[in-house]
């Protein structure tokens, strides 16, 4: 009977720990001061728009988006993770793939790069903020 009780309590403690674990995903998502989302609009003319600088546990990521004729024609990295060697390797692997996907799809609605989730989320969040700014101007 003692073994069963110990097993049940250990399982319950493990489940509580598992469900109370907080990830950094919610903290990396930029929010406007009033919480409002901008109304959709047209991107008129040629312009460069900087996205928000998104801070993660590994550093800051920020992009600059070039628009022409209402389309995304380029995405340039303004800031990227440089905390340690592994971040540099992930940047070389993930950032070009994200850029290719964004240019093909013309939005921030693309898959994250496996193994570089934090970098991908920060890149896409910064990109979305630049797209939102371009639509509201």
N, C-alpha and C. Protein backbone atom coordinates (compact mmCIF):
# COMPACT_ATOMS: atom_id res chain seq x y z
N UNK A 1 0.82 -1.20 0.00
CA UNK A 1 0.00 0.00 0.00
C UNK A 1 0.87 1.26 0.00
N UNK A 2 1.99 1.24 0.74
CA UNK A 2 2.87 2.40 0.80
C UNK A 2 3.48 2.71 -0.56
N UNK A 3 3.83 1.67 -1.31
CA UNK A 3 4.43 1.88 -2.62
C UNK A 3 3.44 2.54 -3.57
N UNK A 4 2.20 2.14 -3.52
CA UNK A 4 1.17 2.73 -4.39
C UNK A 4 0.94 4.19 -4.01
N UNK A 5 0.87 4.48 -2.73
CA UNK A 5 0.67 5.85 -2.28
C UNK A 5 1.84 6.72 -2.71
N UNK A 6 3.07 6.24 -2.53
CA UNK A 6 4.25 6.98 -2.95
C UNK A 6 4.24 7.23 -4.46
N UNK A 7 3.90 6.19 -5.22
CA UNK A 7 3.84 6.30 -6.68
C UNK A 7 2.80 7.34 -7.11
N UNK A 8 1.63 7.33 -6.52
CA UNK A 8 0.58 8.30 -6.86
C UNK A 8 0.99 9.72 -6.50
N UNK A 9 1.60 9.92 -5.36
CA UNK A 9 2.04 11.25 -4.96
C UNK A 9 3.17 11.75 -5.87
N UNK A 10 4.09 10.86 -6.23
CA UNK A 10 5.18 11.26 -7.13
C UNK A 10 4.63 11.62 -8.51
N UNK A 11 3.67 10.85 -8.99
CA UNK A 11 3.04 11.14 -10.29
C UNK A 11 2.31 12.47 -10.24
N UNK A 12 1.58 12.73 -9.19
CA UNK A 12 0.86 13.98 -9.03
C UNK A 12 1.83 15.16 -8.97
N UNK A 13 2.92 15.02 -8.23
CA UNK A 13 3.91 16.09 -8.14
C UNK A 13 4.55 16.35 -9.51
N UNK A 14 4.83 15.30 -10.24
CA UNK A 14 5.39 15.45 -11.59
C UNK A 14 4.44 16.16 -12.53
N UNK A 15 3.16 15.83 -12.46
CA UNK A 15 2.16 16.48 -13.32
C UNK A 15 1.99 17.96 -12.95
N UNK A 16 1.99 18.27 -11.68
CA UNK A 16 1.89 19.66 -11.26
C UNK A 16 3.08 20.45 -11.78
N UNK A 17 4.28 19.88 -11.65
CA UNK A 17 5.47 20.54 -12.16
C UNK A 17 5.43 20.72 -13.67
N UNK A 18 4.96 19.73 -14.37
CA UNK A 18 4.88 19.80 -15.82
C UNK A 18 3.91 20.88 -16.29
N UNK A 19 2.73 20.92 -15.70
CA UNK A 19 1.73 21.89 -16.14
C UNK A 19 1.98 23.32 -15.63
N UNK A 20 2.83 23.47 -14.64
CA UNK A 20 3.13 24.81 -14.16
C UNK A 20 4.37 25.39 -14.82
N UNK A 21 5.06 24.65 -15.68
CA UNK A 21 6.27 25.12 -16.36
C UNK A 21 5.91 26.23 -17.33
N UNK A 22 6.60 27.36 -17.24
CA UNK A 22 6.36 28.51 -18.12
C UNK A 22 7.44 28.58 -19.18
N UNK A 23 7.02 28.74 -20.41
CA UNK A 23 7.98 28.93 -21.49
C UNK A 23 8.20 30.41 -21.71
N UNK A 24 9.21 30.77 -22.51
CA UNK A 24 9.48 32.17 -22.78
C UNK A 24 8.71 32.69 -23.98
N UNK A 25 7.87 31.86 -24.61
CA UNK A 25 7.17 32.25 -25.83
C UNK A 25 6.33 33.51 -25.63
N UNK A 26 5.54 33.55 -24.58
CA UNK A 26 4.65 34.70 -24.38
C UNK A 26 5.39 35.99 -24.10
N UNK A 27 6.60 35.92 -23.55
CA UNK A 27 7.35 37.12 -23.24
C UNK A 27 8.03 37.70 -24.47
N UNK A 28 8.22 36.92 -25.53
CA UNK A 28 8.92 37.39 -26.72
C UNK A 28 7.98 38.06 -27.71
N UNK A 29 6.67 37.96 -27.49
CA UNK A 29 5.71 38.53 -28.41
C UNK A 29 5.54 40.01 -28.13
N UNK A 30 5.85 40.89 -29.07
CA UNK A 30 5.68 42.32 -28.83
C UNK A 30 4.22 42.70 -28.76
N UNK A 31 3.90 43.61 -27.89
CA UNK A 31 2.52 44.07 -27.72
C UNK A 31 2.51 45.60 -27.82
N UNK A 32 1.43 46.15 -28.37
CA UNK A 32 1.30 47.60 -28.39
C UNK A 32 0.90 48.07 -27.00
N UNK A 33 1.09 49.35 -26.72
CA UNK A 33 0.82 49.89 -25.39
C UNK A 33 -0.64 49.74 -24.99
N UNK A 34 -1.56 49.95 -25.93
CA UNK A 34 -2.97 49.85 -25.61
C UNK A 34 -3.55 48.46 -25.91
N UNK A 35 -2.75 47.55 -26.44
CA UNK A 35 -3.21 46.20 -26.73
C UNK A 35 -4.01 46.09 -28.01
N UNK A 36 -4.21 47.20 -28.71
CA UNK A 36 -5.02 47.17 -29.92
C UNK A 36 -4.20 46.69 -31.11
N UNK A 37 -4.88 46.05 -32.03
CA UNK A 37 -4.21 45.65 -33.27
C UNK A 37 -4.60 46.63 -34.35
N UNK A 38 -3.65 46.99 -35.19
CA UNK A 38 -3.95 47.97 -36.23
C UNK A 38 -4.92 47.42 -37.27
N UNK A 39 -5.73 48.30 -37.80
CA UNK A 39 -6.65 47.90 -38.85
C UNK A 39 -5.88 47.62 -40.12
N UNK A 40 -6.29 46.60 -40.88
CA UNK A 40 -5.57 46.32 -42.12
C UNK A 40 -5.75 47.45 -43.12
N UNK A 41 -4.73 47.65 -43.92
CA UNK A 41 -4.77 48.67 -44.94
C UNK A 41 -3.83 48.30 -46.06
N UNK A 42 -3.69 49.15 -47.02
CA UNK A 42 -2.81 48.90 -48.14
C UNK A 42 -1.45 49.51 -47.87
N UNK A 43 -0.43 48.85 -48.34
CA UNK A 43 0.92 49.39 -48.27
C UNK A 43 1.13 50.15 -49.57
N UNK A 44 1.26 51.45 -49.46
CA UNK A 44 1.36 52.29 -50.64
C UNK A 44 2.79 52.77 -50.80
N UNK A 45 3.32 52.64 -52.01
CA UNK A 45 4.65 53.18 -52.32
C UNK A 45 5.77 52.28 -51.85
N UNK A 46 6.98 52.76 -52.07
CA UNK A 46 8.19 52.04 -51.67
C UNK A 46 8.64 52.57 -50.32
N UNK A 47 8.99 51.67 -49.42
CA UNK A 47 9.43 52.13 -48.10
C UNK A 47 10.19 51.05 -47.36
N UNK A 48 10.97 51.50 -46.39
CA UNK A 48 11.65 50.63 -45.45
C UNK A 48 10.99 50.81 -44.09
N UNK A 49 10.67 49.72 -43.43
CA UNK A 49 10.01 49.79 -42.12
C UNK A 49 10.75 48.86 -41.17
N UNK A 50 11.14 49.40 -40.01
CA UNK A 50 11.79 48.59 -38.98
C UNK A 50 10.74 47.93 -38.12
N UNK A 51 10.97 46.66 -37.80
CA UNK A 51 10.12 45.94 -36.86
C UNK A 51 10.56 46.20 -35.44
N UNK A 52 9.77 45.72 -34.50
CA UNK A 52 10.13 45.84 -33.09
C UNK A 52 11.40 45.03 -32.81
N UNK A 53 12.17 45.48 -31.85
CA UNK A 53 13.30 44.69 -31.36
C UNK A 53 12.74 43.71 -30.34
N UNK A 54 12.80 42.42 -30.65
CA UNK A 54 12.21 41.39 -29.80
C UNK A 54 13.32 40.74 -28.97
N UNK A 55 13.17 40.82 -27.65
CA UNK A 55 14.17 40.29 -26.74
C UNK A 55 13.79 38.87 -26.33
N UNK A 56 14.76 37.96 -26.43
CA UNK A 56 14.57 36.59 -25.98
C UNK A 56 15.66 36.26 -24.97
N UNK A 57 15.66 35.04 -24.48
CA UNK A 57 16.70 34.60 -23.54
C UNK A 57 18.08 34.59 -24.19
N UNK A 58 18.12 34.57 -25.52
CA UNK A 58 19.39 34.45 -26.24
C UNK A 58 19.89 35.77 -26.82
N UNK A 59 19.12 36.82 -26.69
CA UNK A 59 19.51 38.11 -27.23
C UNK A 59 18.33 38.78 -27.90
N UNK A 60 18.61 39.77 -28.72
CA UNK A 60 17.59 40.57 -29.37
C UNK A 60 17.61 40.33 -30.87
N UNK A 61 16.41 40.27 -31.48
CA UNK A 61 16.28 40.11 -32.92
C UNK A 61 15.40 41.25 -33.43
N UNK A 62 15.83 41.89 -34.51
CA UNK A 62 15.06 42.96 -35.14
C UNK A 62 15.31 42.90 -36.65
N UNK A 63 14.24 43.14 -37.42
CA UNK A 63 14.36 43.12 -38.87
C UNK A 63 13.92 44.46 -39.46
N UNK A 64 14.39 44.72 -40.67
CA UNK A 64 13.96 45.87 -41.47
C UNK A 64 13.38 45.29 -42.76
N UNK A 65 12.16 45.72 -43.09
CA UNK A 65 11.45 45.16 -44.24
C UNK A 65 11.37 46.22 -45.33
N UNK A 66 11.71 45.81 -46.55
CA UNK A 66 11.60 46.69 -47.72
C UNK A 66 10.34 46.31 -48.48
N UNK A 67 9.50 47.31 -48.71
CA UNK A 67 8.25 47.13 -49.46
C UNK A 67 8.35 47.89 -50.78
N UNK A 68 7.79 47.32 -51.83
CA UNK A 68 7.67 48.00 -53.12
C UNK A 68 6.42 47.48 -53.80
N UNK A 69 5.58 48.40 -54.23
CA UNK A 69 4.35 48.00 -54.90
C UNK A 69 3.46 47.13 -54.05
N UNK A 70 3.46 47.34 -52.73
CA UNK A 70 2.61 46.58 -51.85
C UNK A 70 3.13 45.19 -51.52
N UNK A 71 4.34 44.86 -51.94
CA UNK A 71 4.91 43.54 -51.70
C UNK A 71 6.19 43.66 -50.87
N UNK A 72 6.48 42.59 -50.14
CA UNK A 72 7.75 42.51 -49.41
C UNK A 72 8.82 42.12 -50.42
N UNK A 73 9.82 42.98 -50.59
CA UNK A 73 10.87 42.66 -51.55
C UNK A 73 12.18 42.25 -50.87
N UNK A 74 12.32 42.58 -49.58
CA UNK A 74 13.52 42.15 -48.87
C UNK A 74 13.29 42.25 -47.37
N UNK A 75 13.99 41.40 -46.62
CA UNK A 75 14.01 41.44 -45.16
C UNK A 75 15.48 41.40 -44.75
N UNK A 76 15.90 42.42 -44.01
CA UNK A 76 17.29 42.55 -43.58
C UNK A 76 17.32 42.50 -42.06
N UNK A 77 18.33 41.83 -41.53
CA UNK A 77 18.51 41.73 -40.08
C UNK A 77 19.18 43.00 -39.57
N UNK A 78 18.54 43.66 -38.60
CA UNK A 78 19.12 44.84 -37.96
C UNK A 78 19.89 44.42 -36.71
N UNK A 79 19.28 43.52 -35.92
CA UNK A 79 19.93 42.96 -34.72
C UNK A 79 19.67 41.46 -34.72
N UNK A 80 20.65 40.70 -34.20
CA UNK A 80 20.45 39.26 -34.09
C UNK A 80 21.17 38.74 -32.85
N UNK A 81 20.80 37.53 -32.45
CA UNK A 81 21.41 36.89 -31.29
C UNK A 81 22.91 36.75 -31.48
N UNK A 82 23.65 37.17 -30.50
CA UNK A 82 25.11 36.99 -30.52
C UNK A 82 25.63 36.61 -29.15
N UNK A 83 24.78 36.01 -28.33
CA UNK A 83 25.15 35.72 -26.95
C UNK A 83 26.27 34.69 -26.86
N UNK A 84 26.19 33.64 -27.65
CA UNK A 84 27.23 32.61 -27.61
C UNK A 84 27.38 31.97 -28.98
N UNK A 85 28.37 31.12 -29.11
CA UNK A 85 28.71 30.49 -30.39
C UNK A 85 27.53 29.75 -31.02
N UNK A 86 26.74 29.08 -30.20
CA UNK A 86 25.60 28.33 -30.73
C UNK A 86 24.59 29.26 -31.40
N UNK A 87 24.40 30.46 -30.84
CA UNK A 87 23.50 31.43 -31.47
C UNK A 87 23.98 31.82 -32.86
N UNK A 88 25.29 31.98 -33.02
CA UNK A 88 25.83 32.35 -34.32
C UNK A 88 25.59 31.25 -35.36
N UNK A 89 25.74 30.01 -34.95
CA UNK A 89 25.49 28.87 -35.85
C UNK A 89 24.01 28.83 -36.23
N UNK A 90 23.13 29.01 -35.25
CA UNK A 90 21.69 29.00 -35.53
C UNK A 90 21.31 30.15 -36.47
N UNK A 91 21.90 31.32 -36.27
CA UNK A 91 21.61 32.46 -37.14
C UNK A 91 21.95 32.14 -38.59
N UNK A 92 23.11 31.56 -38.82
CA UNK A 92 23.53 31.23 -40.18
C UNK A 92 22.61 30.21 -40.82
N UNK A 93 22.07 29.32 -40.01
CA UNK A 93 21.19 28.28 -40.51
C UNK A 93 19.76 28.78 -40.71
N UNK A 94 19.21 29.46 -39.71
CA UNK A 94 17.78 29.78 -39.69
C UNK A 94 17.40 31.05 -40.44
N UNK A 95 18.16 32.11 -40.30
CA UNK A 95 17.75 33.41 -40.84
C UNK A 95 17.59 33.42 -42.36
N UNK A 96 18.49 32.83 -43.14
CA UNK A 96 18.26 32.80 -44.59
C UNK A 96 17.01 31.98 -44.98
N UNK A 97 16.74 30.90 -44.25
CA UNK A 97 15.56 30.09 -44.54
C UNK A 97 14.28 30.86 -44.25
N UNK A 98 14.27 31.58 -43.14
CA UNK A 98 13.10 32.39 -42.80
C UNK A 98 12.87 33.47 -43.86
N UNK A 99 13.93 34.13 -44.29
CA UNK A 99 13.82 35.17 -45.32
C UNK A 99 13.22 34.61 -46.60
N UNK A 100 13.71 33.44 -47.04
CA UNK A 100 13.18 32.81 -48.25
C UNK A 100 11.69 32.51 -48.13
N UNK A 101 11.30 31.95 -46.98
CA UNK A 101 9.89 31.62 -46.77
C UNK A 101 9.01 32.87 -46.78
N UNK A 102 9.48 33.92 -46.11
CA UNK A 102 8.70 35.17 -46.03
C UNK A 102 8.53 35.78 -47.41
N UNK A 103 9.60 35.82 -48.20
CA UNK A 103 9.50 36.39 -49.55
C UNK A 103 8.57 35.57 -50.43
N UNK A 104 8.55 34.26 -50.24
CA UNK A 104 7.67 33.41 -51.04
C UNK A 104 6.21 33.57 -50.64
N UNK A 105 5.94 33.66 -49.34
CA UNK A 105 4.57 33.71 -48.84
C UNK A 105 4.04 35.13 -48.72
N UNK A 106 4.95 36.12 -48.60
CA UNK A 106 4.59 37.53 -48.45
C UNK A 106 3.85 37.82 -47.15
N UNK A 107 4.22 37.10 -46.10
CA UNK A 107 3.65 37.36 -44.78
C UNK A 107 4.54 36.74 -43.72
N UNK A 108 4.18 36.97 -42.47
CA UNK A 108 4.92 36.38 -41.34
C UNK A 108 4.32 35.04 -40.95
N UNK A 109 3.37 34.55 -41.72
CA UNK A 109 2.70 33.30 -41.42
C UNK A 109 3.46 32.14 -42.05
N UNK A 110 4.66 31.86 -41.51
CA UNK A 110 5.50 30.77 -41.99
C UNK A 110 5.91 29.91 -40.80
N UNK A 111 6.39 28.71 -41.09
CA UNK A 111 6.83 27.80 -40.04
C UNK A 111 8.15 28.25 -39.44
N UNK A 112 8.31 27.97 -38.16
CA UNK A 112 9.60 28.22 -37.52
C UNK A 112 10.61 27.19 -38.00
N UNK A 113 11.87 27.51 -37.90
CA UNK A 113 12.94 26.60 -38.29
C UNK A 113 13.23 25.68 -37.10
N UNK A 114 13.19 24.39 -37.35
CA UNK A 114 13.45 23.41 -36.30
C UNK A 114 14.84 23.60 -35.72
N UNK A 115 14.91 23.63 -34.40
CA UNK A 115 16.19 23.83 -33.72
C UNK A 115 16.49 25.29 -33.43
N UNK A 116 15.73 26.18 -34.03
CA UNK A 116 15.94 27.62 -33.82
C UNK A 116 14.60 28.29 -33.55
N UNK A 117 13.84 27.71 -32.66
CA UNK A 117 12.48 28.19 -32.40
C UNK A 117 12.47 29.60 -31.84
N UNK A 118 13.30 29.89 -30.86
CA UNK A 118 13.32 31.23 -30.25
C UNK A 118 13.74 32.27 -31.28
N UNK A 119 14.75 31.97 -32.06
CA UNK A 119 15.20 32.88 -33.11
C UNK A 119 14.09 33.09 -34.14
N UNK A 120 13.45 32.01 -34.54
CA UNK A 120 12.39 32.09 -35.55
C UNK A 120 11.22 32.93 -35.04
N UNK A 121 10.78 32.67 -33.81
CA UNK A 121 9.63 33.41 -33.26
C UNK A 121 9.97 34.90 -33.17
N UNK A 122 11.16 35.22 -32.69
CA UNK A 122 11.56 36.62 -32.57
C UNK A 122 11.62 37.28 -33.95
N UNK A 123 12.19 36.61 -34.93
CA UNK A 123 12.28 37.12 -36.30
C UNK A 123 10.88 37.39 -36.85
N UNK A 124 9.99 36.42 -36.70
CA UNK A 124 8.63 36.55 -37.25
C UNK A 124 7.81 37.59 -36.50
N UNK A 125 8.01 37.72 -35.20
CA UNK A 125 7.31 38.76 -34.43
C UNK A 125 7.77 40.15 -34.85
N UNK A 126 9.07 40.32 -35.04
CA UNK A 126 9.61 41.60 -35.51
C UNK A 126 9.08 41.91 -36.91
N UNK A 127 9.07 40.90 -37.76
CA UNK A 127 8.55 41.05 -39.12
C UNK A 127 7.08 41.48 -39.10
N UNK A 128 6.28 40.81 -38.27
CA UNK A 128 4.85 41.15 -38.21
C UNK A 128 4.64 42.58 -37.73
N UNK A 129 5.44 43.04 -36.79
CA UNK A 129 5.30 44.41 -36.32
C UNK A 129 5.65 45.40 -37.43
N UNK A 130 6.62 45.08 -38.27
CA UNK A 130 6.97 45.95 -39.41
C UNK A 130 5.83 45.97 -40.42
N UNK A 131 5.23 44.81 -40.68
CA UNK A 131 4.10 44.74 -41.62
C UNK A 131 2.93 45.55 -41.07
N UNK A 132 2.66 45.43 -39.78
CA UNK A 132 1.57 46.19 -39.16
C UNK A 132 1.82 47.69 -39.28
N UNK A 133 3.07 48.11 -39.05
CA UNK A 133 3.40 49.55 -39.17
C UNK A 133 3.22 50.03 -40.60
N UNK A 134 3.61 49.22 -41.56
CA UNK A 134 3.49 49.62 -42.97
C UNK A 134 2.02 49.76 -43.36
N UNK A 135 1.16 48.93 -42.79
CA UNK A 135 -0.27 49.01 -43.10
C UNK A 135 -0.95 50.21 -42.47
N UNK A 136 -0.42 50.72 -41.37
CA UNK A 136 -1.09 51.81 -40.67
C UNK A 136 -0.61 53.18 -41.09
N UNK A 137 0.44 53.26 -41.90
CA UNK A 137 0.96 54.57 -42.31
C UNK A 137 0.26 55.08 -43.52
